[in-house]
Amino acid sequence: IDATFPEILRVLKPGGSFVVLDHRASAGTPATSG
């Protein structure tokens, strides 16, 4: 899991964009709710 976002950063060009859309959980909800 911890390698996923660095992997996304790796394949992007400098200045490139990463756009995320997801279902909202309440603030403070553990990530495992996914």
Full PDB file with SEQRES, HELIX, SHEET, SSBOND, CRYST1, ORIGX, SCALE, CONECT and MASTER records, all heavy atoms in Angstrom:
SEQRES   1 A   34  ILE ASP ALA THR PHE PRO GLU ILE LEU ARG VAL LEU LYS          
SEQRES   2 A   34  PRO GLY GLY SER PHE VAL VAL LEU ASP HIS ARG ALA SER          
SEQRES   3 A   34  ALA GLY THR PRO ALA THR SER GLY                              
HELIX    1 AA1 THR A    4  VAL A   11  1                                   8    
HELIX    2 AA2 ALA A   31  SER A   33  5                                   3    
CRYST1    1.000    1.000    1.000  90.00  90.00  90.00 P 1           1          
ORIGX1      1.000000  0.000000  0.000000        0.00000                         
ORIGX2      0.000000  1.000000  0.000000        0.00000                         
ORIGX3      0.000000  0.000000  1.000000        0.00000                         
SCALE1      1.000000  0.000000  0.000000        0.00000                         
SCALE2      0.000000  1.000000  0.000000        0.00000                         
SCALE3      0.000000  0.000000  1.000000        0.00000                         
ATOM      1  N   ILE A   1       0.828  -1.210   0.000  1.00  0.00           N  
ATOM      2  CA  ILE A   1       0.000   0.000   0.000  1.00  0.00           C  
ATOM      3  C   ILE A   1       0.858   1.254   0.000  1.00  0.00           C  
ATOM      4  O   ILE A   1       0.620   2.208  -0.751  1.00  0.00           O  
ATOM      5  CB  ILE A   1      -0.961  -0.002   1.206  1.00  0.00           C  
ATOM      6  CG1 ILE A   1      -2.032  -1.082   1.028  1.00  0.00           C  
ATOM      7  CG2 ILE A   1      -1.608   1.372   1.385  1.00  0.00           C  
ATOM      8  CD1 ILE A   1      -2.944  -1.252   2.223  1.00  0.00           C  
ATOM      9  N   ASP A   2       1.901   1.266   0.842  1.00  0.00           N  
ATOM     10  CA  ASP A   2       2.730   2.461   0.989  1.00  0.00           C  
ATOM     11  C   ASP A   2       3.540   2.784  -0.264  1.00  0.00           C  
ATOM     12  O   ASP A   2       4.041   3.905  -0.409  1.00  0.00           O  
ATOM     13  CB  ASP A   2       3.678   2.300   2.175  1.00  0.00           C  
ATOM     14  CG  ASP A   2       2.934   2.244   3.504  1.00  0.00           C  
ATOM     15  OD1 ASP A   2       1.819   2.803   3.571  1.00  0.00           O  
ATOM     16  OD2 ASP A   2       3.464   1.660   4.465  1.00  0.00           O  
ATOM     17  N   ALA A   3       3.683   1.823  -1.166  1.00  0.00           N  
ATOM     18  CA  ALA A   3       4.446   2.057  -2.398  1.00  0.00           C  
ATOM     19  C   ALA A   3       3.584   2.601  -3.525  1.00  0.00           C  
ATOM     20  O   ALA A   3       4.113   3.005  -4.572  1.00  0.00           O  
ATOM     21  CB  ALA A   3       5.115   0.761  -2.846  1.00  0.00           C  
ATOM     22  N   THR A   4       2.269   2.645  -3.335  1.00  0.00           N  
ATOM     23  CA  THR A   4       1.362   2.988  -4.436  1.00  0.00           C  
ATOM     24  C   THR A   4       1.489   4.439  -4.876  1.00  0.00           C  
ATOM     25  O   THR A   4       1.665   4.728  -6.068  1.00  0.00           O  
ATOM     26  CB  THR A   4      -0.087   2.685  -4.033  1.00  0.00           C  
ATOM     27  OG1 THR A   4      -0.206   1.298  -3.725  1.00  0.00           O  
ATOM     28  CG2 THR A   4      -1.040   3.034  -5.157  1.00  0.00           C  
ATOM     29  N   PHE A   5       1.399   5.371  -3.958  1.00  0.00           N  
ATOM     30  CA  PHE A   5       1.458   6.784  -4.352  1.00  0.00           C  
ATOM     31  C   PHE A   5       2.846   7.171  -4.875  1.00  0.00           C  
ATOM     32  O   PHE A   5       2.934   7.932  -5.860  1.00  0.00           O  
ATOM     33  CB  PHE A   5       1.008   7.675  -3.202  1.00  0.00           C  
ATOM     34  CG  PHE A   5      -0.492   7.744  -3.046  1.00  0.00           C  
ATOM     35  CD1 PHE A   5      -1.235   6.623  -2.725  1.00  0.00           C  
ATOM     36  CD2 PHE A   5      -1.177   8.935  -3.245  1.00  0.00           C  
ATOM     37  CE1 PHE A   5      -2.612   6.676  -2.599  1.00  0.00           C  
ATOM     38  CE2 PHE A   5      -2.558   9.012  -3.120  1.00  0.00           C  
ATOM     39  CZ  PHE A   5      -3.277   7.866  -2.802  1.00  0.00           C  
ATOM     40  N   PRO A   6       3.941   6.669  -4.294  1.00  0.00           N  
ATOM     41  CA  PRO A   6       5.248   6.911  -4.920  1.00  0.00           C  
ATOM     42  C   PRO A   6       5.353   6.341  -6.336  1.00  0.00           C  
ATOM     43  O   PRO A   6       6.019   6.926  -7.195  1.00  0.00           O  
ATOM     44  CB  PRO A   6       6.229   6.205  -3.970  1.00  0.00           C  
ATOM     45  CG  PRO A   6       5.562   6.253  -2.640  1.00  0.00           C  
ATOM     46  CD  PRO A   6       4.099   6.068  -2.949  1.00  0.00           C  
ATOM     47  N   GLU A   7       4.677   5.217  -6.580  1.00  0.00           N  
ATOM     48  CA  GLU A   7       4.686   4.634  -7.922  1.00  0.00           C  
ATOM     49  C   GLU A   7       3.936   5.534  -8.912  1.00  0.00           C  
ATOM     50  O   GLU A   7       4.368   5.710 -10.057  1.00  0.00           O  
ATOM     51  CB  GLU A   7       4.054   3.243  -7.878  1.00  0.00           C  
ATOM     52  CG  GLU A   7       3.953   2.529  -9.217  1.00  0.00           C  
ATOM     53  CD  GLU A   7       5.293   2.054  -9.771  1.00  0.00           C  
ATOM     54  OE1 GLU A   7       6.350   2.477  -9.257  1.00  0.00           O  
ATOM     55  OE2 GLU A   7       5.289   1.281 -10.748  1.00  0.00           O  
ATOM     56  N   ILE A   8       2.835   6.112  -8.475  1.00  0.00           N  
ATOM     57  CA  ILE A   8       2.096   7.056  -9.325  1.00  0.00           C  
ATOM     58  C   ILE A   8       2.961   8.280  -9.618  1.00  0.00           C  
ATOM     59  O   ILE A   8       3.025   8.760 -10.755  1.00  0.00           O  
ATOM     60  CB  ILE A   8       0.775   7.469  -8.655  1.00  0.00           C  
ATOM     61  CG1 ILE A   8      -0.143   6.243  -8.498  1.00  0.00           C  
ATOM     62  CG2 ILE A   8       0.072   8.566  -9.456  1.00  0.00           C  
ATOM     63  CD1 ILE A   8      -1.341   6.479  -7.604  1.00  0.00           C  
ATOM     64  N   LEU A   9       3.647   8.781  -8.597  1.00  0.00           N  
ATOM     65  CA  LEU A   9       4.540   9.922  -8.787  1.00  0.00           C  
ATOM     66  C   LEU A   9       5.628   9.587  -9.802  1.00  0.00           C  
ATOM     67  O   LEU A   9       5.982  10.416 -10.646  1.00  0.00           O  
ATOM     68  CB  LEU A   9       5.175  10.309  -7.442  1.00  0.00           C  
ATOM     69  CG  LEU A   9       6.023  11.582  -7.438  1.00  0.00           C  
ATOM     70  CD1 LEU A   9       5.126  12.812  -7.399  1.00  0.00           C  
ATOM     71  CD2 LEU A   9       6.988  11.602  -6.253  1.00  0.00           C  
ATOM     72  N   ARG A  10       6.142   8.375  -9.750  1.00  0.00           N  
ATOM     73  CA  ARG A  10       7.236   7.962 -10.632  1.00  0.00           C  
ATOM     74  C   ARG A  10       6.840   8.046 -12.105  1.00  0.00           C  
ATOM     75  O   ARG A  10       7.619   8.521 -12.940  1.00  0.00           O  
ATOM     76  CB  ARG A  10       7.662   6.531 -10.297  1.00  0.00           C  
ATOM     77  CG  ARG A  10       8.790   5.996 -11.188  1.00  0.00           C  
ATOM     78  CD  ARG A  10       9.061   4.534 -10.946  1.00  0.00           C  
ATOM     79  NE  ARG A  10       7.974   3.659 -11.392  1.00  0.00           N  
ATOM     80  CZ  ARG A  10       7.761   3.319 -12.663  1.00  0.00           C  
ATOM     81  NH1 ARG A  10       8.548   3.793 -13.625  1.00  0.00           N  
ATOM     82  NH2 ARG A  10       6.753   2.520 -12.981  1.00  0.00           N  
ATOM     83  N   VAL A  11       5.637   7.586 -12.443  1.00  0.00           N  
ATOM     84  CA  VAL A  11       5.256   7.517 -13.857  1.00  0.00           C  
ATOM     85  C   VAL A  11       4.794   8.859 -14.409  1.00  0.00           C  
ATOM     86  O   VAL A  11       4.644   9.010 -15.623  1.00  0.00           O  
ATOM     87  CB  VAL A  11       4.168   6.443 -14.099  1.00  0.00           C  
ATOM     88  CG1 VAL A  11       4.645   5.084 -13.610  1.00  0.00           C  
ATOM     89  CG2 VAL A  11       2.841   6.816 -13.453  1.00  0.00           C  
ATOM     90  N   LEU A  12       4.582   9.838 -13.547  1.00  0.00           N  
ATOM     91  CA  LEU A  12       4.174  11.168 -13.988  1.00  0.00           C  
ATOM     92  C   LEU A  12       5.367  12.007 -14.424  1.00  0.00           C  
ATOM     93  O   LEU A  12       6.439  11.952 -13.818  1.00  0.00           O  
ATOM     94  CB  LEU A  12       3.444  11.897 -12.863  1.00  0.00           C  
ATOM     95  CG  LEU A  12       1.925  11.822 -12.818  1.00  0.00           C  
ATOM     96  CD1 LEU A  12       1.413  12.483 -11.545  1.00  0.00           C  
ATOM     97  CD2 LEU A  12       1.295  12.467 -14.039  1.00  0.00           C  
ATOM     98  N   LYS A  13       5.144  12.825 -15.435  1.00  0.00           N  
ATOM     99  CA  LYS A  13       6.150  13.812 -15.824  1.00  0.00           C  
ATOM    100  C   LYS A  13       6.209  14.911 -14.757  1.00  0.00           C  
ATOM    101  O   LYS A  13       5.195  15.192 -14.097  1.00  0.00           O  
ATOM    102  CB  LYS A  13       5.782  14.442 -17.168  1.00  0.00           C  
ATOM    103  CG  LYS A  13       5.753  13.476 -18.334  1.00  0.00           C  
ATOM    104  CD  LYS A  13       5.288  14.165 -19.611  1.00  0.00           C  
ATOM    105  CE  LYS A  13       5.216  13.185 -20.772  1.00  0.00           C  
ATOM    106  NZ  LYS A  13       4.712  13.817 -22.010  1.00  0.00           N  
ATOM    107  N   PRO A  14       7.357  15.555 -14.567  1.00  0.00           N  
ATOM    108  CA  PRO A  14       7.391  16.729 -13.682  1.00  0.00           C  
ATOM    109  C   PRO A  14       6.360  17.760 -14.132  1.00  0.00           C  
ATOM    110  O   PRO A  14       6.238  18.056 -15.318  1.00  0.00           O  
ATOM    111  CB  PRO A  14       8.825  17.247 -13.861  1.00  0.00           C  
ATOM    112  CG  PRO A  14       9.610  16.033 -14.234  1.00  0.00           C  
ATOM    113  CD  PRO A  14       8.685  15.213 -15.108  1.00  0.00           C  
ATOM    114  N   GLY A  15       5.592  18.262 -13.194  1.00  0.00           N  
ATOM    115  CA  GLY A  15       4.507  19.183 -13.512  1.00  0.00           C  
ATOM    116  C   GLY A  15       3.212  18.497 -13.869  1.00  0.00           C  
ATOM    117  O   GLY A  15       2.187  19.157 -14.063  1.00  0.00           O  
ATOM    118  N   GLY A  16       3.229  17.151 -13.934  1.00  0.00           N  
ATOM    119  CA  GLY A  16       2.030  16.398 -14.272  1.00  0.00           C  
ATOM    120  C   GLY A  16       1.016  16.383 -13.141  1.00  0.00           C  
ATOM    121  O   GLY A  16       1.346  16.659 -11.978  1.00  0.00           O  
ATOM    122  N   SER A  17      -0.217  16.043 -13.470  1.00  0.00           N  
ATOM    123  CA  SER A  17      -1.324  16.092 -12.510  1.00  0.00           C  
ATOM    124  C   SER A  17      -1.794  14.698 -12.112  1.00  0.00           C  
ATOM    125  O   SER A  17      -1.787  13.769 -12.921  1.00  0.00           O  
ATOM    126  CB  SER A  17      -2.512  16.852 -13.102  1.00  0.00           C  
ATOM    127  OG  SER A  17      -2.158  18.188 -13.395  1.00  0.00           O  
ATOM    128  N   PHE A  18      -2.231  14.595 -10.874  1.00  0.00           N  
ATOM    129  CA  PHE A  18      -2.839  13.387 -10.325  1.00  0.00           C  
ATOM    130  C   PHE A  18      -4.208  13.790  -9.791  1.00  0.00           C  
ATOM    131  O   PHE A  18      -4.313  14.613  -8.884  1.00  0.00           O  
ATOM    132  CB  PHE A  18      -1.957  12.823  -9.217  1.00  0.00           C  
ATOM    133  CG  PHE A  18      -2.508  11.635  -8.482  1.00  0.00           C  
ATOM    134  CD1 PHE A  18      -3.254  10.656  -9.130  1.00  0.00           C  
ATOM    135  CD2 PHE A  18      -2.267  11.472  -7.121  1.00  0.00           C  
ATOM    136  CE1 PHE A  18      -3.748   9.554  -8.444  1.00  0.00           C  
ATOM    137  CE2 PHE A  18      -2.748  10.377  -6.430  1.00  0.00           C  
ATOM    138  CZ  PHE A  18      -3.490   9.416  -7.092  1.00  0.00           C  
ATOM    139  N   VAL A  19      -5.267  13.243 -10.392  1.00  0.00           N  
ATOM    140  CA  VAL A  19      -6.638  13.645 -10.055  1.00  0.00           C  
ATOM    141  C   VAL A  19      -7.364  12.468  -9.425  1.00  0.00           C  
ATOM    142  O   VAL A  19      -7.410  11.372 -10.002  1.00  0.00           O  
ATOM    143  CB  VAL A  19      -7.396  14.140 -11.302  1.00  0.00           C  
ATOM    144  CG1 VAL A  19      -8.802  14.601 -10.921  1.00  0.00           C  
ATOM    145  CG2 VAL A  19      -6.620  15.281 -11.969  1.00  0.00           C  
ATOM    146  N   VAL A  20      -7.923  12.698  -8.239  1.00  0.00           N  
ATOM    147  CA  VAL A  20      -8.540  11.639  -7.443  1.00  0.00           C  
ATOM    148  C   VAL A  20     -10.003  11.962  -7.176  1.00  0.00           C  
ATOM    149  O   VAL A  20     -10.349  13.081  -6.780  1.00  0.00           O  
ATOM    150  CB  VAL A  20      -7.812  11.477  -6.089  1.00  0.00           C  
ATOM    151  CG1 VAL A  20      -8.508  10.431  -5.226  1.00  0.00           C  
ATOM    152  CG2 VAL A  20      -6.352  11.103  -6.301  1.00  0.00           C  
ATOM    153  N   LEU A  21     -10.858  10.961  -7.387  1.00  0.00           N  
ATOM    154  CA  LEU A  21     -12.277  11.044  -7.040  1.00  0.00           C  
ATOM    155  C   LEU A  21     -12.626   9.802  -6.237  1.00  0.00           C  
ATOM    156  O   LEU A  21     -12.305   8.687  -6.643  1.00  0.00           O  
ATOM    157  CB  LEU A  21     -13.139  11.097  -8.309  1.00  0.00           C  
ATOM    158  CG  LEU A  21     -14.661  11.007  -8.144  1.00  0.00           C  
ATOM    159  CD1 LEU A  21     -15.194  12.244  -7.443  1.00  0.00           C  
ATOM    160  CD2 LEU A  21     -15.336  10.819  -9.500  1.00  0.00           C  
ATOM    161  N   ASP A  22     -13.262   9.987  -5.064  1.00  0.00           N  
ATOM    162  CA  ASP A  22     -13.622   8.807  -4.283  1.00  0.00           C  
ATOM    163  C   ASP A  22     -14.787   9.129  -3.354  1.00  0.00           C  
ATOM    164  O   ASP A  22     -15.146  10.291  -3.138  1.00  0.00           O  
ATOM    165  CB  ASP A  22     -12.430   8.291  -3.483  1.00  0.00           C  
ATOM    166  CG  ASP A  22     -12.443   6.777  -3.303  1.00  0.00           C  
ATOM    167  OD1 ASP A  22     -13.525   6.160  -3.463  1.00  0.00           O  
ATOM    168  OD2 ASP A  22     -11.386   6.194  -3.004  1.00  0.00           O  
ATOM    169  N   HIS A  23     -15.353   8.058  -2.797  1.00  0.00           N  
ATOM    170  CA  HIS A  23     -16.484   8.176  -1.878  1.00  0.00           C  
ATOM    171  C   HIS A  23     -15.989   8.645  -0.506  1.00  0.00           C  
ATOM    172  O   HIS A  23     -15.064   8.058   0.055  1.00  0.00           O  
ATOM    173  CB  HIS A  23     -17.178   6.821  -1.724  1.00  0.00           C  
ATOM    174  CG  HIS A  23     -17.591   6.187  -3.020  1.00  0.00           C  
ATOM    175  ND1 HIS A  23     -18.711   6.576  -3.712  1.00  0.00           N  
ATOM    176  CD2 HIS A  23     -17.017   5.192  -3.745  1.00  0.00           C  
ATOM    177  CE1 HIS A  23     -18.821   5.838  -4.813  1.00  0.00           C  
ATOM    178  NE2 HIS A  23     -17.806   4.995  -4.858  1.00  0.00           N  
ATOM    179  N   ARG A  24     -16.616   9.664   0.032  1.00  0.00           N  
ATOM    180  CA  ARG A  24     -16.172  10.273   1.281  1.00  0.00           C  
ATOM    181  C   ARG A  24     -16.604   9.462   2.503  1.00  0.00           C  
ATOM    182  O   ARG A  24     -17.766   9.038   2.609  1.00  0.00           O  
ATOM    183  CB  ARG A  24     -16.731  11.685   1.411  1.00  0.00           C  
ATOM    184  CG  ARG A  24     -16.181  12.475   2.610  1.00  0.00           C  
ATOM    185  CD  ARG A  24     -16.926  13.806   2.764  1.00  0.00           C  
ATOM    186  NE  ARG A  24     -16.877  14.600   1.548  1.00  0.00           N  
ATOM    187  CZ  ARG A  24     -15.904  15.466   1.262  1.00  0.00           C  
ATOM    188  NH1 ARG A  24     -14.904  15.640   2.110  1.00  0.00           N  
ATOM    189  NH2 ARG A  24     -15.955  16.158   0.138  1.00  0.00           N  
ATOM    190  N   ALA A  25     -15.655   9.260   3.413  1.00  0.00           N  
ATOM    191  CA  ALA A  25     -15.952   8.734   4.746  1.00  0.00           C  
ATOM    192  C   ALA A  25     -15.846   9.887   5.733  1.00  0.00           C  
ATOM    193  O   ALA A  25     -15.234  10.925   5.445  1.00  0.00           O  
ATOM    194  CB  ALA A  25     -14.977   7.628   5.117  1.00  0.00           C  
ATOM    195  N   SER A  26     -16.426   9.717   6.901  1.00  0.00           N  
ATOM    196  CA  SER A  26     -16.370  10.753   7.929  1.00  0.00           C  
ATOM    197  C   SER A  26     -14.918  11.057   8.298  1.00  0.00           C  
ATOM    198  O   SER A  26     -14.047  10.181   8.238  1.00  0.00           O  
ATOM    199  CB  SER A  26     -17.124  10.296   9.178  1.00  0.00           C  
ATOM    200  OG  SER A  26     -18.473  10.033   8.888  1.00  0.00           O  
ATOM    201  N   ALA A  27     -14.661  12.300   8.680  1.00  0.00           N  
ATOM    202  CA  ALA A  27     -13.322  12.697   9.098  1.00  0.00           C  
ATOM    203  C   ALA A  27     -12.848  11.814  10.250  1.00  0.00           C  
ATOM    204  O   ALA A  27     -13.584  11.583  11.208  1.00  0.00           O  
ATOM    205  CB  ALA A  27     -13.314  14.165   9.515  1.00  0.00           C  
ATOM    206  N   GLY A  28     -11.630  11.329  10.146  1.00  0.00           N  
ATOM    207  CA  GLY A  28     -11.068  10.498  11.190  1.00  0.00           C  
ATOM    208  C   GLY A  28     -11.338   9.015  11.041  1.00  0.00           C  
ATOM    209  O   GLY A  28     -10.828   8.209  11.828  1.00  0.00           O  
ATOM    210  N   THR A  29     -12.128   8.637  10.029  1.00  0.00           N  
ATOM    211  CA  THR A  29     -12.409   7.220   9.796  1.00  0.00           C  
ATOM    212  C   THR A  29     -11.128   6.498   9.386  1.00  0.00           C  
ATOM    213  O   THR A  29     -10.394   6.993   8.537  1.00  0.00           O  
ATOM    214  CB  THR A  29     -13.468   7.054   8.691  1.00  0.00           C  
ATOM    215  OG1 THR A  29     -14.673   7.701   9.084  1.00  0.00           O  
ATOM    216  CG2 THR A  29     -13.753   5.576   8.419  1.00  0.00           C  
ATOM    217  N   PRO A  30     -10.825   5.338   9.967  1.00  0.00           N  
ATOM    218  CA  PRO A  30      -9.612   4.613   9.586  1.00  0.00           C  
ATOM    219  C   PRO A  30      -9.617   4.270   8.099  1.00  0.00           C  
ATOM    220  O   PRO A  30     -10.671   4.019   7.507  1.00  0.00           O  
ATOM    221  CB  PRO A  30      -9.676   3.341  10.441  1.00  0.00           C  
ATOM    222  CG  PRO A  30     -10.563   3.686  11.585  1.00  0.00           C  
ATOM    223  CD  PRO A  30     -11.559   4.665  11.050  1.00  0.00           C  
ATOM    224  N   ALA A  31      -8.429   4.247   7.503  1.00  0.00           N  
ATOM    225  CA  ALA A  31      -8.311   3.948   6.082  1.00  0.00           C  
ATOM    226  C   ALA A  31      -8.859   2.570   5.734  1.00  0.00           C  
ATOM    227  O   ALA A  31      -9.324   2.346   4.606  1.00  0.00           O  
ATOM    228  CB  ALA A  31      -6.848   4.051   5.652  1.00  0.00           C  
ATOM    229  N   THR A  32      -8.843   1.663   6.678  1.00  0.00           N  
ATOM    230  CA  THR A  32      -9.334   0.308   6.441  1.00  0.00           C  
ATOM    231  C   THR A  32     -10.816   0.271   6.103  1.00  0.00           C  
ATOM    232  O   THR A  32     -11.317  -0.765   5.643  1.00  0.00           O  
ATOM    233  CB  THR A  32      -9.069  -0.580   7.663  1.00  0.00           C  
ATOM    234  OG1 THR A  32      -9.573   0.080   8.841  1.00  0.00           O  
ATOM    235  CG2 THR A  32      -7.574  -0.825   7.846  1.00  0.00           C  
ATOM    236  N   SER A  33     -11.528   1.391   6.285  1.00  0.00           N  
ATOM    237  CA  SER A  33     -12.944   1.438   5.908  1.00  0.00           C  
ATOM    238  C   SER A  33     -13.114   1.186   4.419  1.00  0.00           C  
ATOM    239  O   SER A  33     -14.195   0.790   3.969  1.00  0.00           O  
ATOM    240  CB  SER A  33     -13.556   2.799   6.266  1.00  0.00           C  
ATOM    241  OG  SER A  33     -12.957   3.841   5.494  1.00  0.00           O  
ATOM    242  N   GLY A  34     -12.039   1.393   3.655  1.00  0.00           N  
ATOM    243  CA  GLY A  34     -12.113   1.144   2.223  1.00  0.00           C  
ATOM    244  C   GLY A  34     -12.445  -0.294   1.903  1.00  0.00           C  
ATOM    245  O   GLY A  34     -13.050  -0.583   0.861  1.00  0.00           O  
TER     246      GLY A  34                                                      
MASTER        0    0    0    2    0    0    0    6  245    1    0    3          
END                                                                             
